Amino acid sequence: MKRICSIYKSPRKNEMYLYVLKAEGLTRVPEGLLPFFGTPVHAFDLVLTPERKLAREDIAKVLENLDNQGYHLQMPPPEDDYIEHLPEELLRRNDPA
């Protein structure tokens, strides 16, 4: 089951993405979601298959959501994840000596 998907980024929330089937565009995205998401900005198109690996999403869940509801919303990682990936020198407190 191969799906050609368009991925849109949110102008309001960093690292929030909306996956939709390219052929359907945004037609199945609920109107109530768009004020929260903002005006979708097309990021790229991607071919999704069950074998494909995604960096932060479960491919099976993405495909299921695309089939059942017509979209998949990828939420940004928790703020703590950002801190864990900062270089060690940025995590140290700058205490005056």
C-alpha atoms as a PDB file:
ATOM      1  CA  MET A   1       0.000   0.000   0.000  1.00  0.00           C
ATOM      2  CA  LYS A   2       1.940   2.967  -1.336  1.00  0.00           C
ATOM      3  CA  ARG A   3       0.724   6.495  -0.590  1.00  0.00           C
ATOM      4  CA  ILE A   4       1.926   9.757  -2.112  1.00  0.00           C
ATOM      5  CA  CYS A   5       1.750  12.245   0.685  1.00  0.00           C
ATOM      6  CA  SER A   6       2.111  16.025   0.915  1.00  0.00           C
ATOM      7  CA  ILE A   7       3.596  17.333   4.116  1.00  0.00           C
ATOM      8  CA  TYR A   8       2.821  20.815   5.365  1.00  0.00           C
ATOM      9  CA  LYS A   9       4.535  22.670   8.184  1.00  0.00           C
ATOM     10  CA  SER A  10       2.786  24.917  10.643  1.00  0.00           C
ATOM     11  CA  PRO A  11       3.694  28.604  10.608  1.00  0.00           C
ATOM     12  CA  ARG A  12       2.556  28.801  14.244  1.00  0.00           C
ATOM     13  CA  LYS A  13       4.324  25.890  15.914  1.00  0.00           C
ATOM     14  CA  ASN A  14       7.891  24.838  15.164  1.00  0.00           C
ATOM     15  CA  GLU A  15       8.196  21.168  14.129  1.00  0.00           C
ATOM     16  CA  MET A  16       4.440  20.610  13.781  1.00  0.00           C
ATOM     17  CA  TYR A  17       3.570  18.918  10.477  1.00  0.00           C
ATOM     18  CA  LEU A  18       0.401  17.875   8.714  1.00  0.00           C
ATOM     19  CA  TYR A  19       0.488  14.810   6.422  1.00  0.00           C
ATOM     20  CA  VAL A  20      -2.239  14.495   3.760  1.00  0.00           C
ATOM     21  CA  LEU A  21      -2.716  12.384   0.670  1.00  0.00           C
ATOM     22  CA  LYS A  22      -1.408  14.439  -2.247  1.00  0.00           C
ATOM     23  CA  ALA A  23      -4.410  13.591  -4.450  1.00  0.00           C
ATOM     24  CA  GLU A  24      -6.845  14.885  -1.791  1.00  0.00           C
ATOM     25  CA  GLY A  25      -4.855  17.853  -0.576  1.00  0.00           C
ATOM     26  CA  LEU A  26      -6.324  19.526   2.494  1.00  0.00           C
ATOM     27  CA  THR A  27      -9.944  18.597   1.681  1.00  0.00           C
ATOM     28  CA  ARG A  28     -10.303  16.118   4.588  1.00  0.00           C
ATOM     29  CA  VAL A  29      -8.569  18.231   7.233  1.00  0.00           C
ATOM     30  CA  PRO A  30     -11.157  19.454   9.765  1.00  0.00           C
ATOM     31  CA  GLU A  31     -11.788  23.201   9.639  1.00  0.00           C
ATOM     32  CA  GLY A  32     -11.346  23.388  13.409  1.00  0.00           C
ATOM     33  CA  LEU A  33      -7.746  22.200  13.142  1.00  0.00           C
ATOM     34  CA  LEU A  34      -6.559  24.919  10.778  1.00  0.00           C
ATOM     35  CA  PRO A  35      -6.900  27.902  13.181  1.00  0.00           C
ATOM     36  CA  PHE A  36      -4.708  25.974  15.651  1.00  0.00           C
ATOM     37  CA  PHE A  37      -2.248  24.833  12.955  1.00  0.00           C
ATOM     38  CA  GLY A  38      -2.176  28.071  10.958  1.00  0.00           C
ATOM     39  CA  THR A  39      -2.158  28.404   7.176  1.00  0.00           C
ATOM     40  CA  PRO A  40      -0.359  25.244   6.013  1.00  0.00           C
ATOM     41  CA  VAL A  41       2.974  25.826   4.250  1.00  0.00           C
ATOM     42  CA  HIS A  42       3.868  23.052   1.784  1.00  0.00           C
ATOM     43  CA  ALA A  43       7.202  21.530   2.846  1.00  0.00           C
ATOM     44  CA  PHE A  44       7.598  18.537   0.511  1.00  0.00           C
ATOM     45  CA  ASP A  45       5.979  15.430  -0.984  1.00  0.00           C
ATOM     46  CA  LEU A  46       6.921  11.933   0.082  1.00  0.00           C
ATOM     47  CA  VAL A  47       6.090   8.366  -0.969  1.00  0.00           C
ATOM     48  CA  LEU A  48       4.998   6.399   2.097  1.00  0.00           C
ATOM     49  CA  THR A  49       5.031   2.611   2.300  1.00  0.00           C
ATOM     50  CA  PRO A  50       4.719   0.315   5.348  1.00  0.00           C
ATOM     51  CA  GLU A  51       8.456  -0.454   5.027  1.00  0.00           C
ATOM     52  CA  ARG A  52       9.554   3.187   5.130  1.00  0.00           C
ATOM     53  CA  LYS A  53      11.080   4.540   8.333  1.00  0.00           C
ATOM     54  CA  LEU A  54      10.174   8.007   9.575  1.00  0.00           C
ATOM     55  CA  ALA A  55      12.346   9.942  12.014  1.00  0.00           C
ATOM     56  CA  ARG A  56       9.727  10.695  14.658  1.00  0.00           C
ATOM     57  CA  GLU A  57       6.530   8.982  13.588  1.00  0.00           C
ATOM     58  CA  ASP A  58       5.280   5.402  13.453  1.00  0.00           C
ATOM     59  CA  ILE A  59       4.681   4.727   9.748  1.00  0.00           C
ATOM     60  CA  ALA A  60       1.822   2.308  10.511  1.00  0.00           C
ATOM     61  CA  LYS A  61       0.008   4.998  12.525  1.00  0.00           C
ATOM     62  CA  VAL A  62       0.580   7.643   9.827  1.00  0.00           C
ATOM     63  CA  LEU A  63      -0.825   5.359   7.114  1.00  0.00           C
ATOM     64  CA  GLU A  64      -3.772   4.361   9.315  1.00  0.00           C
ATOM     65  CA  ASN A  65      -4.616   8.007  10.028  1.00  0.00           C
ATOM     66  CA  LEU A  66      -4.349   8.913   6.333  1.00  0.00           C
ATOM     67  CA  ASP A  67      -6.741   6.090   5.414  1.00  0.00           C
ATOM     68  CA  ASN A  68      -9.235   6.593   8.255  1.00  0.00           C
ATOM     69  CA  GLN A  69      -9.346  10.353   8.760  1.00  0.00           C
ATOM     70  CA  GLY A  70      -7.559  11.780   5.720  1.00  0.00           C
ATOM     71  CA  TYR A  71      -4.667  13.396   7.579  1.00  0.00           C
ATOM     72  CA  HIS A  72      -2.006  12.817  10.217  1.00  0.00           C
ATOM     73  CA  LEU A  73      -0.866  15.561  12.596  1.00  0.00           C
ATOM     74  CA  GLN A  74       2.734  15.332  13.808  1.00  0.00           C
ATOM     75  CA  MET A  75       3.114  17.240  17.045  1.00  0.00           C
ATOM     76  CA  PRO A  76       6.407  18.890  18.007  1.00  0.00           C
ATOM     77  CA  PRO A  77       8.621  17.019  20.447  1.00  0.00           C
ATOM     78  CA  PRO A  78       8.336  17.986  24.111  1.00  0.00           C
ATOM     79  CA  GLU A  79      10.506  20.954  25.077  1.00  0.00           C
ATOM     80  CA  ASP A  80      12.704  18.679  27.212  1.00  0.00           C
ATOM     81  CA  ASP A  81      13.841  16.854  24.063  1.00  0.00           C
ATOM     82  CA  TYR A  82      15.350  20.089  22.762  1.00  0.00           C
ATOM     83  CA  ILE A  83      17.374  20.553  25.942  1.00  0.00           C
ATOM     84  CA  GLU A  84      18.726  16.993  25.899  1.00  0.00           C
ATOM     85  CA  HIS A  85      20.191  17.562  22.438  1.00  0.00           C
ATOM     86  CA  LEU A  86      21.978  20.813  23.222  1.00  0.00           C
ATOM     87  CA  PRO A  87      25.774  20.736  23.395  1.00  0.00           C
ATOM     88  CA  GLU A  88      27.080  20.255  26.928  1.00  0.00           C
ATOM     89  CA  GLU A  89      28.635  23.746  27.074  1.00  0.00           C
ATOM     90  CA  LEU A  90      25.211  25.310  26.512  1.00  0.00           C
ATOM     91  CA  LEU A  91      23.664  23.271  29.319  1.00  0.00           C
ATOM     92  CA  ARG A  92      26.196  24.451  31.932  1.00  0.00           C
ATOM     93  CA  ARG A  93      25.220  27.453  33.990  1.00  0.00           C
ATOM     94  CA  ASN A  94      27.426  30.482  33.503  1.00  0.00           C
ATOM     95  CA  ASP A  95      28.403  31.204  37.091  1.00  0.00           C
ATOM     96  CA  PRO A  96      30.832  34.082  37.581  1.00  0.00           C
ATOM     97  CA  ALA A  97      34.047  32.757  39.103  1.00  0.00           C
END
